[in-house]
Amino acid sequence: MRKHTGGSRVWTYPLPIDQAEFTLDLPEWSVVIHVAVQAGAPCLWVTCDPERPTFAVPFCWVATGHEIPADASGHLGTVQLHDDALVLHLFMREMF
């Protein structure tokens, strides 16, 4: 487990659900700690140093029963939306 250094914070990023593939600009060395629904919208929580340079990190949603892309490198969490009628699983995609 990576040790938190001075300047680390917990930040929340809202996640789009209108597109299956998307990127988020996250500070260098960000660590995903949680995925959940907050106020009806899916969000990603990371520990990060907001003063670090940012880079585009690719993610994708996969609905239950759908194929997981070959470049999906890790499951980060699952959210249930629309009175649990929509279940989406968040994956990080390989960057290189």
C-alpha atoms as a PDB file:
ATOM      1  CA  MET A   1       0.000   0.000   0.000  1.00  0.00           C
ATOM      2  CA  ARG A   2       1.322   3.429  -0.942  1.00  0.00           C
ATOM      3  CA  LYS A   3       2.063   5.778   1.938  1.00  0.00           C
ATOM      4  CA  HIS A   4       0.258   9.118   1.792  1.00  0.00           C
ATOM      5  CA  THR A   5       2.625  12.026   1.550  1.00  0.00           C
ATOM      6  CA  GLY A   6       2.189  15.620   2.613  1.00  0.00           C
ATOM      7  CA  GLY A   7      -0.471  17.350   0.554  1.00  0.00           C
ATOM      8  CA  SER A   8      -2.689  14.294   0.151  1.00  0.00           C
ATOM      9  CA  ARG A   9      -6.434  14.902   0.137  1.00  0.00           C
ATOM     10  CA  VAL A  10      -9.587  12.916  -0.626  1.00  0.00           C
ATOM     11  CA  TRP A  11     -11.284  14.301  -3.724  1.00  0.00           C
ATOM     12  CA  THR A  12     -14.589  13.345  -5.335  1.00  0.00           C
ATOM     13  CA  TYR A  13     -15.135  13.195  -9.093  1.00  0.00           C
ATOM     14  CA  PRO A  14     -18.614  12.865 -10.628  1.00  0.00           C
ATOM     15  CA  LEU A  15     -18.784  10.102 -13.233  1.00  0.00           C
ATOM     16  CA  PRO A  16     -20.680  10.427 -16.522  1.00  0.00           C
ATOM     17  CA  ILE A  17     -23.176   7.680 -17.294  1.00  0.00           C
ATOM     18  CA  ASP A  18     -24.167   8.950 -20.739  1.00  0.00           C
ATOM     19  CA  GLN A  19     -21.053   7.390 -22.282  1.00  0.00           C
ATOM     20  CA  ALA A  20     -19.577   3.935 -21.779  1.00  0.00           C
ATOM     21  CA  GLU A  21     -15.978   5.135 -22.236  1.00  0.00           C
ATOM     22  CA  PHE A  22     -14.580   8.346 -20.766  1.00  0.00           C
ATOM     23  CA  THR A  23     -11.491   9.901 -19.237  1.00  0.00           C
ATOM     24  CA  LEU A  24     -10.960  11.876 -16.050  1.00  0.00           C
ATOM     25  CA  ASP A  25      -8.086  14.281 -15.472  1.00  0.00           C
ATOM     26  CA  LEU A  26      -6.606  13.008 -12.212  1.00  0.00           C
ATOM     27  CA  PRO A  27      -3.520  14.226 -10.369  1.00  0.00           C
ATOM     28  CA  GLU A  28      -0.426  12.102 -10.796  1.00  0.00           C
ATOM     29  CA  TRP A  29      -0.239   9.221  -8.270  1.00  0.00           C
ATOM     30  CA  SER A  30      -3.975   9.329  -7.473  1.00  0.00           C
ATOM     31  CA  VAL A  31      -5.310   6.230  -5.726  1.00  0.00           C
ATOM     32  CA  VAL A  32      -8.947   5.167  -6.196  1.00  0.00           C
ATOM     33  CA  ILE A  33     -10.499   4.448  -2.812  1.00  0.00           C
ATOM     34  CA  HIS A  34     -14.244   4.228  -3.480  1.00  0.00           C
ATOM     35  CA  VAL A  35     -17.032   4.257  -6.091  1.00  0.00           C
ATOM     36  CA  ALA A  36     -20.611   4.975  -5.018  1.00  0.00           C
ATOM     37  CA  VAL A  37     -23.739   6.988  -5.724  1.00  0.00           C
ATOM     38  CA  GLN A  38     -23.951  10.380  -4.020  1.00  0.00           C
ATOM     39  CA  ALA A  39     -27.111  12.496  -4.381  1.00  0.00           C
ATOM     40  CA  GLY A  40     -28.284  10.239  -7.220  1.00  0.00           C
ATOM     41  CA  ALA A  41     -25.078  10.482  -9.271  1.00  0.00           C
ATOM     42  CA  PRO A  42     -22.165   8.024  -9.477  1.00  0.00           C
ATOM     43  CA  CYS A  43     -18.892   9.362  -8.078  1.00  0.00           C
ATOM     44  CA  LEU A  44     -15.286   8.294  -7.759  1.00  0.00           C
ATOM     45  CA  TRP A  45     -13.259   9.072  -4.633  1.00  0.00           C
ATOM     46  CA  VAL A  46      -9.470   9.236  -4.845  1.00  0.00           C
ATOM     47  CA  THR A  47      -6.640  10.165  -2.554  1.00  0.00           C
ATOM     48  CA  CYS A  48      -4.393  12.611  -4.336  1.00  0.00           C
ATOM     49  CA  ASP A  49      -2.143  15.625  -4.081  1.00  0.00           C
ATOM     50  CA  PRO A  50      -4.079  18.262  -6.038  1.00  0.00           C
ATOM     51  CA  GLU A  51      -0.833  20.158  -6.668  1.00  0.00           C
ATOM     52  CA  ARG A  52       0.573  17.300  -8.784  1.00  0.00           C
ATOM     53  CA  PRO A  53       0.290  17.475 -12.591  1.00  0.00           C
ATOM     54  CA  THR A  54      -2.858  15.850 -13.995  1.00  0.00           C
ATOM     55  CA  PHE A  55      -3.236  13.321 -16.763  1.00  0.00           C
ATOM     56  CA  ALA A  56      -6.189  11.747 -18.554  1.00  0.00           C
ATOM     57  CA  VAL A  57      -7.077   8.371 -17.038  1.00  0.00           C
ATOM     58  CA  PRO A  58      -9.367   6.149 -19.171  1.00  0.00           C
ATOM     59  CA  PHE A  59     -12.366   4.396 -17.610  1.00  0.00           C
ATOM     60  CA  CYS A  60     -15.360   2.438 -18.869  1.00  0.00           C
ATOM     61  CA  TRP A  61     -18.731   1.322 -17.588  1.00  0.00           C
ATOM     62  CA  VAL A  62     -19.860  -2.250 -18.210  1.00  0.00           C
ATOM     63  CA  ALA A  63     -23.472  -3.203 -17.561  1.00  0.00           C
ATOM     64  CA  THR A  64     -24.169  -6.551 -15.899  1.00  0.00           C
ATOM     65  CA  GLY A  65     -24.187  -9.311 -18.507  1.00  0.00           C
ATOM     66  CA  HIS A  66     -22.216  -7.290 -21.067  1.00  0.00           C
ATOM     67  CA  GLU A  67     -18.735  -8.057 -22.346  1.00  0.00           C
ATOM     68  CA  ILE A  68     -15.775  -6.567 -20.490  1.00  0.00           C
ATOM     69  CA  PRO A  69     -13.305  -4.870 -22.872  1.00  0.00           C
ATOM     70  CA  ALA A  70      -9.977  -6.647 -23.290  1.00  0.00           C
ATOM     71  CA  ASP A  71      -8.094  -3.552 -22.106  1.00  0.00           C
ATOM     72  CA  ALA A  72     -10.039  -3.250 -18.833  1.00  0.00           C
ATOM     73  CA  SER A  73      -7.310  -3.518 -16.221  1.00  0.00           C
ATOM     74  CA  GLY A  74      -9.222  -3.547 -12.968  1.00  0.00           C
ATOM     75  CA  HIS A  75     -12.700  -3.434 -11.490  1.00  0.00           C
ATOM     76  CA  LEU A  76     -13.095  -0.362  -9.264  1.00  0.00           C
ATOM     77  CA  GLY A  77     -16.671  -0.616  -8.079  1.00  0.00           C
ATOM     78  CA  THR A  78     -20.341  -1.071  -8.887  1.00  0.00           C
ATOM     79  CA  VAL A  79     -23.237   1.386  -8.759  1.00  0.00           C
ATOM     80  CA  GLN A  80     -26.983   0.838  -8.897  1.00  0.00           C
ATOM     81  CA  LEU A  81     -29.100   3.570 -10.478  1.00  0.00           C
ATOM     82  CA  HIS A  82     -32.735   4.242 -11.374  1.00  0.00           C
ATOM     83  CA  ASP A  83     -34.189   2.350  -8.410  1.00  0.00           C
ATOM     84  CA  ASP A  84     -31.663  -0.444  -8.971  1.00  0.00           C
ATOM     85  CA  ALA A  85     -32.891  -1.046 -12.543  1.00  0.00           C
ATOM     86  CA  LEU A  86     -29.441  -0.152 -13.946  1.00  0.00           C
ATOM     87  CA  VAL A  87     -26.317  -1.801 -12.537  1.00  0.00           C
ATOM     88  CA  LEU A  88     -22.999  -0.504 -13.875  1.00  0.00           C
ATOM     89  CA  HIS A  89     -19.501  -1.752 -13.101  1.00  0.00           C
ATOM     90  CA  LEU A  90     -16.611   0.712 -13.365  1.00  0.00           C
ATOM     91  CA  PHE A  91     -13.300  -0.434 -14.818  1.00  0.00           C
ATOM     92  CA  MET A  92     -10.050   1.404 -15.376  1.00  0.00           C
ATOM     93  CA  ARG A  93      -8.634   0.872 -18.836  1.00  0.00           C
ATOM     94  CA  GLU A  94      -5.027   0.274 -19.708  1.00  0.00           C
ATOM     95  CA  MET A  95      -3.261   3.482 -20.603  1.00  0.00           C
ATOM     96  CA  PHE A  96      -0.507   2.062 -22.812  1.00  0.00           C
END
